[in-house]
Amino acid sequence: MREQLFDNVDYRIDPLWIVKSYFNAIEGISFPTALNYLLEDTSYGSEYAMCEFPSEDADGIFDGVRFSFLDKDEIIVSQEIFKKYLKIAAERYIELNTEKADEVQNVLKKLSE
C-alpha cells in the first residue's frame, strides 16, 4: 500500500479533509511541480482534486485559497491555513521521497520570502 502525505483522512469529522485529500492526490512525481505552481499562486490540480487562487477568471469571487475534490466538495481556507498545510505536506513528502529532499527544500524557501 502506498503511503500518503496525510493518513486517516475522514470526511465525516475533519473539516479540512478536502485540503488533505488534495495533497494526497498530487503526491508523487508531480509534487515538486505542483509545489512550484502553488507557491506562485497559480492554480494546480488533476481530474480529482484542484487548488485555486482568486482571479478574475475564477468562478465567482472568493477570499483565500479554494480546494475542491471530485467537482462536488470544496472549501476556501485562509492563506495562513494554506501555507501551514502546504508545509506539512512538503515535509511529509520529503520523509517519503528522500531523493527529492533538496529539490523540495529549495522550492519551500519561497514560502518564507
PDB file of N, CA and C in Angstrom:
ATOM      1  N   MET A   1       0.834  -1.190   0.000  1.00  0.00           N
ATOM      2  CA  MET A   1       0.000   0.000   0.000  1.00  0.00           C
ATOM      3  C   MET A   1       0.883   1.259   0.000  1.00  0.00           C
ATOM      4  N   ARG A   2       0.540   2.191  -0.806  1.00  0.00           N
ATOM      5  CA  ARG A   2       1.286   3.440  -0.929  1.00  0.00           C
ATOM      6  C   ARG A   2       1.030   4.336   0.277  1.00  0.00           C
ATOM      7  N   GLU A   3       2.106   4.879   0.836  1.00  0.00           N
ATOM      8  CA  GLU A   3       1.944   5.817   1.943  1.00  0.00           C
ATOM      9  C   GLU A   3       1.477   7.156   1.400  1.00  0.00           C
ATOM     10  N   GLN A   4       0.663   7.831   2.182  1.00  0.00           N
ATOM     11  CA  GLN A   4       0.136   9.114   1.757  1.00  0.00           C
ATOM     12  C   GLN A   4       0.721  10.231   2.614  1.00  0.00           C
ATOM     13  N   LEU A   5       0.584  11.449   2.117  1.00  0.00           N
ATOM     14  CA  LEU A   5       1.087  12.601   2.866  1.00  0.00           C
ATOM     15  C   LEU A   5       0.264  12.821   4.134  1.00  0.00           C
ATOM     16  N   PHE A   6      -1.032  12.607   4.035  1.00  0.00           N
ATOM     17  CA  PHE A   6      -1.921  12.718   5.192  1.00  0.00           C
ATOM     18  C   PHE A   6      -2.651  11.392   5.348  1.00  0.00           C
ATOM     19  N   ASP A   7      -2.440  10.738   6.479  1.00  0.00           N
ATOM     20  CA  ASP A   7      -3.083   9.458   6.745  1.00  0.00           C
ATOM     21  C   ASP A   7      -4.436   9.671   7.427  1.00  0.00           C
ATOM     22  N   ASN A   8      -5.275   8.675   7.299  1.00  0.00           N
ATOM     23  CA  ASN A   8      -6.553   8.633   8.009  1.00  0.00           C
ATOM     24  C   ASN A   8      -7.405   9.883   7.826  1.00  0.00           C
ATOM     25  N   VAL A   9      -7.537  10.326   6.604  1.00  0.00           N
ATOM     26  CA  VAL A   9      -8.378  11.478   6.304  1.00  0.00           C
ATOM     27  C   VAL A   9      -9.831  11.017   6.390  1.00  0.00           C
ATOM     28  N   ASP A  10     -10.612  11.673   7.227  1.00  0.00           N
ATOM     29  CA  ASP A  10     -12.006  11.274   7.454  1.00  0.00           C
ATOM     30  C   ASP A  10     -12.936  12.450   7.178  1.00  0.00           C
ATOM     31  N   TYR A  11     -13.658  12.377   6.079  1.00  0.00           N
ATOM     32  CA  TYR A  11     -14.545  13.470   5.685  1.00  0.00           C
ATOM     33  C   TYR A  11     -15.677  13.695   6.685  1.00  0.00           C
ATOM     34  N   ARG A  12     -15.977  12.706   7.507  1.00  0.00           N
ATOM     35  CA  ARG A  12     -17.085  12.838   8.458  1.00  0.00           C
ATOM     36  C   ARG A  12     -16.747  13.724   9.654  1.00  0.00           C
ATOM     37  N   ILE A  13     -15.470  13.779  10.025  1.00  0.00           N
ATOM     38  CA  ILE A  13     -15.120  14.519  11.240  1.00  0.00           C
ATOM     39  C   ILE A  13     -14.053  15.588  11.047  1.00  0.00           C
ATOM     40  N   ASP A  14     -13.431  15.628   9.888  1.00  0.00           N
ATOM     41  CA  ASP A  14     -12.324  16.556   9.659  1.00  0.00           C
ATOM     42  C   ASP A  14     -12.761  17.658   8.691  1.00  0.00           C
ATOM     43  N   PRO A  15     -12.928  18.892   9.169  1.00  0.00           N
ATOM     44  CA  PRO A  15     -13.380  19.958   8.278  1.00  0.00           C
ATOM     45  C   PRO A  15     -12.375  20.301   7.169  1.00  0.00           C
ATOM     46  N   LEU A  16     -11.122  19.906   7.325  1.00  0.00           N
ATOM     47  CA  LEU A  16     -10.101  20.195   6.315  1.00  0.00           C
ATOM     48  C   LEU A  16      -9.740  18.961   5.484  1.00  0.00           C
ATOM     49  N   TRP A  17     -10.631  17.995   5.439  1.00  0.00           N
ATOM     50  CA  TRP A  17     -10.341  16.766   4.702  1.00  0.00           C
ATOM     51  C   TRP A  17     -10.089  17.029   3.224  1.00  0.00           C
ATOM     52  N   ILE A  18     -10.733  18.049   2.667  1.00  0.00           N
ATOM     53  CA  ILE A  18     -10.547  18.333   1.243  1.00  0.00           C
ATOM     54  C   ILE A  18      -9.115  18.820   0.977  1.00  0.00           C
ATOM     55  N   VAL A  19      -8.590  19.637   1.874  1.00  0.00           N
ATOM     56  CA  VAL A  19      -7.206  20.127   1.741  1.00  0.00           C
ATOM     57  C   VAL A  19      -6.244  18.941   1.784  1.00  0.00           C
ATOM     58  N   LYS A  20      -6.431  18.074   2.753  1.00  0.00           N
ATOM     59  CA  LYS A  20      -5.552  16.909   2.897  1.00  0.00           C
ATOM     60  C   LYS A  20      -5.694  15.952   1.718  1.00  0.00           C
ATOM     61  N   SER A  21      -6.914  15.755   1.263  1.00  0.00           N
ATOM     62  CA  SER A  21      -7.145  14.875   0.111  1.00  0.00           C
ATOM     63  C   SER A  21      -6.489  15.441  -1.141  1.00  0.00           C
ATOM     64  N   TYR A  22      -6.506  16.767  -1.285  1.00  0.00           N
ATOM     65  CA  TYR A  22      -5.846  17.398  -2.423  1.00  0.00           C
ATOM     66  C   TYR A  22      -4.359  17.042  -2.428  1.00  0.00           C
ATOM     67  N   PHE A  23      -3.696  17.252  -1.301  1.00  0.00           N
ATOM     68  CA  PHE A  23      -2.263  16.963  -1.249  1.00  0.00           C
ATOM     69  C   PHE A  23      -1.984  15.477  -1.443  1.00  0.00           C
ATOM     70  N   ASN A  24      -2.852  14.613  -0.944  1.00  0.00           N
ATOM     71  CA  ASN A  24      -2.689  13.185  -1.200  1.00  0.00           C
ATOM     72  C   ASN A  24      -2.821  12.886  -2.683  1.00  0.00           C
ATOM     73  N   ALA A  25      -3.719  13.584  -3.368  1.00  0.00           N
ATOM     74  CA  ALA A  25      -3.952  13.336  -4.797  1.00  0.00           C
ATOM     75  C   ALA A  25      -2.774  13.772  -5.659  1.00  0.00           C
ATOM     76  N   ILE A  26      -2.054  14.824  -5.260  1.00  0.00           N
ATOM     77  CA  ILE A  26      -0.930  15.291  -6.080  1.00  0.00           C
ATOM     78  C   ILE A  26       0.402  14.721  -5.619  1.00  0.00           C
ATOM     79  N   GLU A  27       0.391  13.942  -4.547  1.00  0.00           N
ATOM     80  CA  GLU A  27       1.616  13.332  -4.049  1.00  0.00           C
ATOM     81  C   GLU A  27       2.184  12.444  -5.136  1.00  0.00           C
ATOM     82  N   GLY A  28       3.457  12.365  -5.201  1.00  0.00           N
ATOM     83  CA  GLY A  28       4.111  11.534  -6.214  1.00  0.00           C
ATOM     84  C   GLY A  28       5.066  12.370  -7.024  1.00  0.00           C
ATOM     85  N   ILE A  29       5.305  11.934  -8.222  1.00  0.00           N
ATOM     86  CA  ILE A  29       6.310  12.586  -9.060  1.00  0.00           C
ATOM     87  C   ILE A  29       5.947  14.033  -9.380  1.00  0.00           C
ATOM     88  N   SER A  30       4.652  14.358  -9.398  1.00  0.00           N
ATOM     89  CA  SER A  30       4.249  15.715  -9.756  1.00  0.00           C
ATOM     90  C   SER A  30       4.282  16.679  -8.570  1.00  0.00           C
ATOM     91  N   PHE A  31       4.559  16.197  -7.380  1.00  0.00           N
ATOM     92  CA  PHE A  31       4.509  17.072  -6.213  1.00  0.00           C
ATOM     93  C   PHE A  31       5.456  18.264  -6.308  1.00  0.00           C
ATOM     94  N   PRO A  32       6.730  18.089  -6.658  1.00  0.00           N
ATOM     95  CA  PRO A  32       7.604  19.269  -6.765  1.00  0.00           C
ATOM     96  C   PRO A  32       7.101  20.289  -7.791  1.00  0.00           C
ATOM     97  N   THR A  33       6.556  19.816  -8.890  1.00  0.00           N
ATOM     98  CA  THR A  33       5.988  20.721  -9.898  1.00  0.00           C
ATOM     99  C   THR A  33       4.799  21.469  -9.322  1.00  0.00           C
ATOM    100  N   ALA A  34       3.911  20.737  -8.671  1.00  0.00           N
ATOM    101  CA  ALA A  34       2.733  21.355  -8.051  1.00  0.00           C
ATOM    102  C   ALA A  34       3.148  22.387  -7.023  1.00  0.00           C
ATOM    103  N   LEU A  35       4.148  22.071  -6.231  1.00  0.00           N
ATOM    104  CA  LEU A  35       4.633  22.986  -5.197  1.00  0.00           C
ATOM    105  C   LEU A  35       5.080  24.307  -5.808  1.00  0.00           C
ATOM    106  N   ASN A  36       5.795  24.237  -6.910  1.00  0.00           N
ATOM    107  CA  ASN A  36       6.222  25.465  -7.605  1.00  0.00           C
ATOM    108  C   ASN A  36       5.027  26.307  -8.026  1.00  0.00           C
ATOM    109  N   TYR A  37       4.048  25.677  -8.639  1.00  0.00           N
ATOM    110  CA  TYR A  37       2.850  26.405  -9.061  1.00  0.00           C
ATOM    111  C   TYR A  37       2.137  27.046  -7.873  1.00  0.00           C
ATOM    112  N   LEU A  38       1.922  26.266  -6.843  1.00  0.00           N
ATOM    113  CA  LEU A  38       1.164  26.755  -5.687  1.00  0.00           C
ATOM    114  C   LEU A  38       1.862  27.921  -4.990  1.00  0.00           C
ATOM    115  N   LEU A  39       3.173  27.879  -4.929  1.00  0.00           N
ATOM    116  CA  LEU A  39       3.900  28.964  -4.280  1.00  0.00           C
ATOM    117  C   LEU A  39       3.949  30.225  -5.132  1.00  0.00           C
ATOM    118  N   GLU A  40       3.535  30.108  -6.384  1.00  0.00           N
ATOM    119  CA  GLU A  40       3.416  31.277  -7.263  1.00  0.00           C
ATOM    120  C   GLU A  40       1.955  31.705  -7.404  1.00  0.00           C
ATOM    121  N   ASP A  41       1.093  31.162  -6.529  1.00  0.00           N
ATOM    122  CA  ASP A  41      -0.350  31.442  -6.563  1.00  0.00           C
ATOM    123  C   ASP A  41      -0.963  31.105  -7.919  1.00  0.00           C
ATOM    124  N   THR A  42      -0.506  30.001  -8.489  1.00  0.00           N
ATOM    125  CA  THR A  42      -1.039  29.500  -9.748  1.00  0.00           C
ATOM    126  C   THR A  42      -1.829  28.232  -9.457  1.00  0.00           C
ATOM    127  N   SER A  43      -3.057  28.182  -9.908  1.00  0.00           N
ATOM    128  CA  SER A  43      -3.911  27.024  -9.666  1.00  0.00           C
ATOM    129  C   SER A  43      -3.274  25.759 -10.227  1.00  0.00           C
ATOM    130  N   TYR A  44      -3.513  24.643  -9.526  1.00  0.00           N
ATOM    131  CA  TYR A  44      -2.943  23.370  -9.961  1.00  0.00           C
ATOM    132  C   TYR A  44      -3.851  22.247  -9.483  1.00  0.00           C
ATOM    133  N   GLY A  45      -4.042  21.265 -10.341  1.00  0.00           N
ATOM    134  CA  GLY A  45      -4.862  20.141  -9.933  1.00  0.00           C
ATOM    135  C   GLY A  45      -4.879  19.030 -10.944  1.00  0.00           C
ATOM    136  N   SER A  46      -5.788  18.107 -10.697  1.00  0.00           N
ATOM    137  CA  SER A  46      -5.964  16.945 -11.557  1.00  0.00           C
ATOM    138  C   SER A  46      -7.453  16.777 -11.805  1.00  0.00           C
ATOM    139  N   GLU A  47      -7.823  15.666 -12.397  1.00  0.00           N
ATOM    140  CA  GLU A  47      -9.241  15.423 -12.622  1.00  0.00           C
ATOM    141  C   GLU A  47      -9.984  15.162 -11.316  1.00  0.00           C
ATOM    142  N   TYR A  48      -9.265  14.898 -10.234  1.00  0.00           N
ATOM    143  CA  TYR A  48      -9.889  14.580  -8.959  1.00  0.00           C
ATOM    144  C   TYR A  48      -9.862  15.725  -7.957  1.00  0.00           C
ATOM    145  N   ALA A  49      -8.778  16.481  -7.946  1.00  0.00           N
ATOM    146  CA  ALA A  49      -8.598  17.499  -6.918  1.00  0.00           C
ATOM    147  C   ALA A  49      -7.987  18.758  -7.520  1.00  0.00           C
ATOM    148  N   MET A  50      -8.377  19.913  -6.987  1.00  0.00           N
ATOM    149  CA  MET A  50      -7.914  21.192  -7.526  1.00  0.00           C
ATOM    150  C   MET A  50      -7.661  22.171  -6.391  1.00  0.00           C
ATOM    151  N   CYS A  51      -6.647  23.012  -6.581  1.00  0.00           N
ATOM    152  CA  CYS A  51      -6.361  24.133  -5.694  1.00  0.00           C
ATOM    153  C   CYS A  51      -6.362  25.371  -6.566  1.00  0.00           C
ATOM    154  N   GLU A  52      -7.180  26.378  -6.174  1.00  0.00           N
ATOM    155  CA  GLU A  52      -7.329  27.581  -6.985  1.00  0.00           C
ATOM    156  C   GLU A  52      -7.129  28.835  -6.145  1.00  0.00           C
ATOM    157  N   PHE A  53      -6.631  29.842  -6.808  1.00  0.00           N
ATOM    158  CA  PHE A  53      -6.414  31.141  -6.189  1.00  0.00           C
ATOM    159  C   PHE A  53      -7.365  32.141  -6.827  1.00  0.00           C
ATOM    160  N   PRO A  54      -7.761  33.171  -6.077  1.00  0.00           N
ATOM    161  CA  PRO A  54      -8.704  34.136  -6.646  1.00  0.00           C
ATOM    162  C   PRO A  54      -8.099  34.852  -7.850  1.00  0.00           C
ATOM    163  N   SER A  55      -8.915  35.006  -8.854  1.00  0.00           N
ATOM    164  CA  SER A  55      -8.510  35.763 -10.033  1.00  0.00           C
ATOM    165  C   SER A  55      -9.777  36.183 -10.755  1.00  0.00           C
ATOM    166  N   GLU A  56      -9.621  37.045 -11.711  1.00  0.00           N
ATOM    167  CA  GLU A  56     -10.776  37.492 -12.488  1.00  0.00           C
ATOM    168  C   GLU A  56     -11.376  36.354 -13.308  1.00  0.00           C
ATOM    169  N   ASP A  57     -10.590  35.327 -13.584  1.00  0.00           N
ATOM    170  CA  ASP A  57     -11.071  34.210 -14.384  1.00  0.00           C
ATOM    171  C   ASP A  57     -11.779  33.146 -13.554  1.00  0.00           C
ATOM    172  N   ALA A  58     -11.621  33.199 -12.236  1.00  0.00           N
ATOM    173  CA  ALA A  58     -12.210  32.172 -11.375  1.00  0.00           C
ATOM    174  C   ALA A  58     -13.723  32.297 -11.329  1.00  0.00           C
ATOM    175  N   ASP A  59     -14.381  31.196 -11.081  1.00  0.00           N
ATOM    176  CA  ASP A  59     -15.833  31.216 -10.899  1.00  0.00           C
ATOM    177  C   ASP A  59     -16.144  31.947  -9.602  1.00  0.00           C
ATOM    178  N   GLY A  60     -16.714  33.109  -9.735  1.00  0.00           N
ATOM    179  CA  GLY A  60     -17.049  33.872  -8.543  1.00  0.00           C
ATOM    180  C   GLY A  60     -15.834  34.511  -7.914  1.00  0.00           C
ATOM    181  N   ILE A  61     -16.082  35.280  -6.922  1.00  0.00           N
ATOM    182  CA  ILE A  61     -15.016  35.944  -6.186  1.00  0.00           C
ATOM    183  C   ILE A  61     -14.921  35.294  -4.806  1.00  0.00           C
ATOM    184  N   PHE A  62     -13.715  34.990  -4.399  1.00  0.00           N
ATOM    185  CA  PHE A  62     -13.522  34.428  -3.067  1.00  0.00           C
ATOM    186  C   PHE A  62     -12.232  34.969  -2.477  1.00  0.00           C
ATOM    187  N   ASP A  63     -12.155  34.931  -1.179  1.00  0.00           N
ATOM    188  CA  ASP A  63     -11.000  35.437  -0.457  1.00  0.00           C
ATOM    189  C   ASP A  63     -10.309  34.251   0.193  1.00  0.00           C
ATOM    190  N   GLY A  64      -9.103  33.951  -0.224  1.00  0.00           N
ATOM    191  CA  GLY A  64      -8.367  32.817   0.322  1.00  0.00           C
ATOM    192  C   GLY A  64      -7.919  31.890  -0.784  1.00  0.00           C
ATOM    193  N   VAL A  65      -7.887  30.610  -0.467  1.00  0.00           N
ATOM    194  CA  VAL A  65      -7.471  29.575  -1.408  1.00  0.00           C
ATOM    195  C   VAL A  65      -8.574  28.519  -1.419  1.00  0.00           C
ATOM    196  N   ARG A  66      -9.031  28.177  -2.625  1.00  0.00           N
ATOM    197  CA  ARG A  66     -10.129  27.213  -2.750  1.00  0.00           C
ATOM    198  C   ARG A  66      -9.587  25.844  -3.144  1.00  0.00           C
ATOM    199  N   PHE A  67      -9.992  24.850  -2.388  1.00  0.00           N
ATOM    200  CA  PHE A  67      -9.683  23.456  -2.688  1.00  0.00           C
ATOM    201  C   PHE A  67     -10.981  22.762  -3.062  1.00  0.00           C
ATOM    202  N   SER A  68     -10.920  21.937  -4.104  1.00  0.00           N
ATOM    203  CA  SER A  68     -12.104  21.160  -4.461  1.00  0.00           C
ATOM    204  C   SER A  68     -11.682  19.716  -4.699  1.00  0.00           C
ATOM    205  N   PHE A  69     -12.647  18.823  -4.488  1.00  0.00           N
ATOM    206  CA  PHE A  69     -12.379  17.401  -4.638  1.00  0.00           C
ATOM    207  C   PHE A  69     -13.540  16.763  -5.368  1.00  0.00           C
ATOM    208  N   LEU A  70     -13.252  16.075  -6.449  1.00  0.00           N
ATOM    209  CA  LEU A  70     -14.238  15.381  -7.277  1.00  0.00           C
ATOM    210  C   LEU A  70     -15.354  16.293  -7.765  1.00  0.00           C
ATOM    211  N   ASP A  71     -15.055  17.554  -7.975  1.00  0.00           N
ATOM    212  CA  ASP A  71     -16.002  18.529  -8.517  1.00  0.00           C
ATOM    213  C   ASP A  71     -17.305  18.663  -7.733  1.00  0.00           C
ATOM    214  N   LYS A  72     -17.338  18.160  -6.512  1.00  0.00           N
ATOM    215  CA  LYS A  72     -18.581  18.298  -5.756  1.00  0.00           C
ATOM    216  C   LYS A  72     -18.370  18.848  -4.351  1.00  0.00           C
ATOM    217  N   ASP A  73     -17.193  18.726  -3.813  1.00  0.00           N
ATOM    218  CA  ASP A  73     -16.899  19.234  -2.480  1.00  0.00           C
ATOM    219  C   ASP A  73     -15.826  20.302  -2.593  1.00  0.00           C
ATOM    220  N   GLU A  74     -15.994  21.381  -1.822  1.00  0.00           N
ATOM    221  CA  GLU A  74     -14.977  22.426  -1.838  1.00  0.00           C
ATOM    222  C   GLU A  74     -14.928  23.136  -0.493  1.00  0.00           C
ATOM    223  N   ILE A  75     -13.788  23.760  -0.269  1.00  0.00           N
ATOM    224  CA  ILE A  75     -13.576  24.561   0.926  1.00  0.00           C
ATOM    225  C   ILE A  75     -12.652  25.713   0.549  1.00  0.00           C
ATOM    226  N   ILE A  76     -12.886  26.856   1.147  1.00  0.00           N
ATOM    227  CA  ILE A  76     -11.996  28.007   0.976  1.00  0.00           C
ATOM    228  C   ILE A  76     -11.320  28.240   2.313  1.00  0.00           C
ATOM    229  N   VAL A  77      -9.992  28.283   2.281  1.00  0.00           N
ATOM    230  CA  VAL A  77      -9.214  28.483   3.503  1.00  0.00           C
ATOM    231  C   VAL A  77      -8.384  29.762   3.373  1.00  0.00           C
ATOM    232  N   SER A  78      -7.933  30.255   4.499  1.00  0.00           N
ATOM    233  CA  SER A  78      -7.083  31.447   4.507  1.00  0.00           C
ATOM    234  C   SER A  78      -5.705  31.108   3.957  1.00  0.00           C
ATOM    235  N   GLN A  79      -4.964  32.139   3.604  1.00  0.00           N
ATOM    236  CA  GLN A  79      -3.579  31.951   3.156  1.00  0.00           C
ATOM    237  C   GLN A  79      -2.745  31.281   4.244  1.00  0.00           C
ATOM    238  N   GLU A  80      -3.011  31.607   5.503  1.00  0.00           N
ATOM    239  CA  GLU A  80      -2.252  31.020   6.610  1.00  0.00           C
ATOM    240  C   GLU A  80      -2.471  29.517   6.699  1.00  0.00           C
ATOM    241  N   ILE A  81      -3.726  29.085   6.588  1.00  0.00           N
ATOM    242  CA  ILE A  81      -4.016  27.648   6.634  1.00  0.00           C
ATOM    243  C   ILE A  81      -3.426  26.962   5.408  1.00  0.00           C
ATOM    244  N   PHE A  82      -3.559  27.586   4.250  1.00  0.00           N
ATOM    245  CA  PHE A  82      -2.971  27.039   3.028  1.00  0.00           C
ATOM    246  C   PHE A  82      -1.472  26.800   3.219  1.00  0.00           C
ATOM    247  N   LYS A  83      -0.760  27.810   3.699  1.00  0.00           N
ATOM    248  CA  LYS A  83       0.690  27.689   3.867  1.00  0.00           C
ATOM    249  C   LYS A  83       1.049  26.640   4.916  1.00  0.00           C
ATOM    250  N   LYS A  84       0.261  26.569   5.979  1.00  0.00           N
ATOM    251  CA  LYS A  84       0.503  25.577   7.031  1.00  0.00           C
ATOM    252  C   LYS A  84       0.425  24.160   6.460  1.00  0.00           C
ATOM    253  N   TYR A  85      -0.632  23.860   5.730  1.00  0.00           N
ATOM    254  CA  TYR A  85      -0.801  22.510   5.193  1.00  0.00           C
ATOM    255  C   TYR A  85       0.134  22.227   4.022  1.00  0.00           C
ATOM    256  N   LEU A  86       0.486  23.231   3.273  1.00  0.00           N
ATOM    257  CA  LEU A  86       1.480  23.072   2.218  1.00  0.00           C
ATOM    258  C   LEU A  86       2.815  22.654   2.829  1.00  0.00           C
ATOM    259  N   LYS A  87       3.184  23.306   3.904  1.00  0.00           N
ATOM    260  CA  LYS A  87       4.449  22.985   4.574  1.00  0.00           C
ATOM    261  C   LYS A  87       4.414  21.578   5.178  1.00  0.00           C
ATOM    262  N   ILE A  88       3.305  21.222   5.822  1.00  0.00           N
ATOM    263  CA  ILE A  88       3.178  19.872   6.382  1.00  0.00           C
ATOM    264  C   ILE A  88       3.286  18.832   5.275  1.00  0.00           C
ATOM    265  N   ALA A  89       2.585  19.069   4.169  1.00  0.00           N
ATOM    266  CA  ALA A  89       2.622  18.132   3.040  1.00  0.00           C
ATOM    267  C   ALA A  89       4.038  18.011   2.482  1.00  0.00           C
ATOM    268  N   ALA A  90       4.737  19.134   2.339  1.00  0.00           N
ATOM    269  CA  ALA A  90       6.099  19.120   1.799  1.00  0.00           C
ATOM    270  C   ALA A  90       7.049  18.359   2.726  1.00  0.00           C
ATOM    271  N   GLU A  91       6.917  18.583   4.016  1.00  0.00           N
ATOM    272  CA  GLU A  91       7.780  17.878   4.971  1.00  0.00           C
ATOM    273  C   GLU A  91       7.535  16.375   4.921  1.00  0.00           C
ATOM    274  N   ARG A  92       6.280  15.991   4.819  1.00  0.00           N
ATOM    275  CA  ARG A  92       5.941  14.565   4.730  1.00  0.00           C
ATOM    276  C   ARG A  92       6.436  13.989   3.398  1.00  0.00           C
ATOM    277  N   TYR A  93       6.311  14.751   2.332  1.00  0.00           N
ATOM    278  CA  TYR A  93       6.802  14.304   1.031  1.00  0.00           C
ATOM    279  C   TYR A  93       8.300  14.018   1.104  1.00  0.00           C
ATOM    280  N   ILE A  94       9.029  14.903   1.766  1.00  0.00           N
ATOM    281  CA  ILE A  94      10.480  14.711   1.911  1.00  0.00           C
ATOM    282  C   ILE A  94      10.774  13.431   2.692  1.00  0.00           C
ATOM    283  N   GLU A  95       9.994  13.158   3.746  1.00  0.00           N
ATOM    284  CA  GLU A  95      10.178  11.924   4.517  1.00  0.00           C
ATOM    285  C   GLU A  95      10.014  10.686   3.630  1.00  0.00           C
ATOM    286  N   LEU A  96       9.039  10.742   2.736  1.00  0.00           N
ATOM    287  CA  LEU A  96       8.724   9.590   1.893  1.00  0.00           C
ATOM    288  C   LEU A  96       9.578   9.518   0.628  1.00  0.00           C
ATOM    289  N   ASN A  97      10.181  10.645   0.243  1.00  0.00           N
ATOM    290  CA  ASN A  97      10.949  10.727  -1.007  1.00  0.00           C
ATOM    291  C   ASN A  97      12.270  11.446  -0.742  1.00  0.00           C
ATOM    292  N   THR A  98      13.128  10.845   0.024  1.00  0.00           N
ATOM    293  CA  THR A  98      14.368  11.497   0.439  1.00  0.00           C
ATOM    294  C   THR A  98      15.229  11.937  -0.740  1.00  0.00           C
ATOM    295  N   GLU A  99      15.110  11.238  -1.861  1.00  0.00           N
ATOM    296  CA  GLU A  99      15.905  11.603  -3.035  1.00  0.00           C
ATOM    297  C   GLU A  99      15.484  12.943  -3.626  1.00  0.00           C
ATOM    298  N   LYS A 100      14.309  13.420  -3.267  1.00  0.00           N
ATOM    299  CA  LYS A 100      13.798  14.702  -3.762  1.00  0.00           C
ATOM    300  C   LYS A 100      13.918  15.813  -2.713  1.00  0.00           C
ATOM    301  N   ALA A 101      14.557  15.530  -1.590  1.00  0.00           N
ATOM    302  CA  ALA A 101      14.614  16.472  -0.470  1.00  0.00           C
ATOM    303  C   ALA A 101      15.189  17.828  -0.880  1.00  0.00           C
ATOM    304  N   ASP A 102      16.332  17.837  -1.562  1.00  0.00           N
ATOM    305  CA  ASP A 102      16.951  19.113  -1.934  1.00  0.00           C
ATOM    306  C   ASP A 102      16.047  19.930  -2.848  1.00  0.00           C
ATOM    307  N   GLU A 103      15.437  19.265  -3.823  1.00  0.00           N
ATOM    308  CA  GLU A 103      14.559  19.956  -4.766  1.00  0.00           C
ATOM    309  C   GLU A 103      13.372  20.593  -4.041  1.00  0.00           C
ATOM    310  N   VAL A 104      12.734  19.847  -3.159  1.00  0.00           N
ATOM    311  CA  VAL A 104      11.563  20.356  -2.444  1.00  0.00           C
ATOM    312  C   VAL A 104      11.965  21.445  -1.455  1.00  0.00           C
ATOM    313  N   GLN A 105      13.064  21.268  -0.756  1.00  0.00           N
ATOM    314  CA  GLN A 105      13.507  22.283   0.196  1.00  0.00           C
ATOM    315  C   GLN A 105      13.855  23.589  -0.509  1.00  0.00           C
ATOM    316  N   ASN A 106      14.442  23.515  -1.683  1.00  0.00           N
ATOM    317  CA  ASN A 106      14.747  24.737  -2.446  1.00  0.00           C
ATOM    318  C   ASN A 106      13.468  25.470  -2.840  1.00  0.00           C
ATOM    319  N   VAL A 107      12.464  24.725  -3.227  1.00  0.00           N
ATOM    320  CA  VAL A 107      11.184  25.341  -3.574  1.00  0.00           C
ATOM    321  C   VAL A 107      10.527  25.944  -2.340  1.00  0.00           C
ATOM    322  N   LEU A 108      10.623  25.241  -1.215  1.00  0.00           N
ATOM    323  CA  LEU A 108       9.997  25.701   0.031  1.00  0.00           C
ATOM    324  C   LEU A 108      10.583  27.036   0.534  1.00  0.00           C
ATOM    325  N   LYS A 109      11.784  27.351   0.112  1.00  0.00           N
ATOM    326  CA  LYS A 109      12.383  28.621   0.517  1.00  0.00           C
ATOM    327  C   LYS A 109      11.509  29.796   0.105  1.00  0.00           C
ATOM    328  N   LYS A 110      10.751  29.635  -0.984  1.00  0.00           N
ATOM    329  CA  LYS A 110       9.842  30.694  -1.429  1.00  0.00           C
ATOM    330  C   LYS A 110       8.753  30.982  -0.398  1.00  0.00           C
ATOM    331  N   LEU A 111       8.428  29.990   0.406  1.00  0.00           N
ATOM    332  CA  LEU A 111       7.382  30.146   1.408  1.00  0.00           C
ATOM    333  C   LEU A 111       7.760  31.155   2.477  1.00  0.00           C
ATOM    334  N   SER A 112       9.040  31.244   2.774  1.00  0.00           N
ATOM    335  CA  SER A 112       9.492  32.158   3.819  1.00  0.00           C
ATOM    336  C   SER A 112       9.914  33.521   3.279  1.00  0.00           C
ATOM    337  N   GLU A 113       9.815  33.719   1.972  1.00  0.00           N
ATOM    338  CA  GLU A 113      10.206  35.004   1.381  1.00  0.00           C
ATOM    339  C   GLU A 113       9.121  36.040   1.574  1.00  0.00           C
TER     340      GLU A 113
END
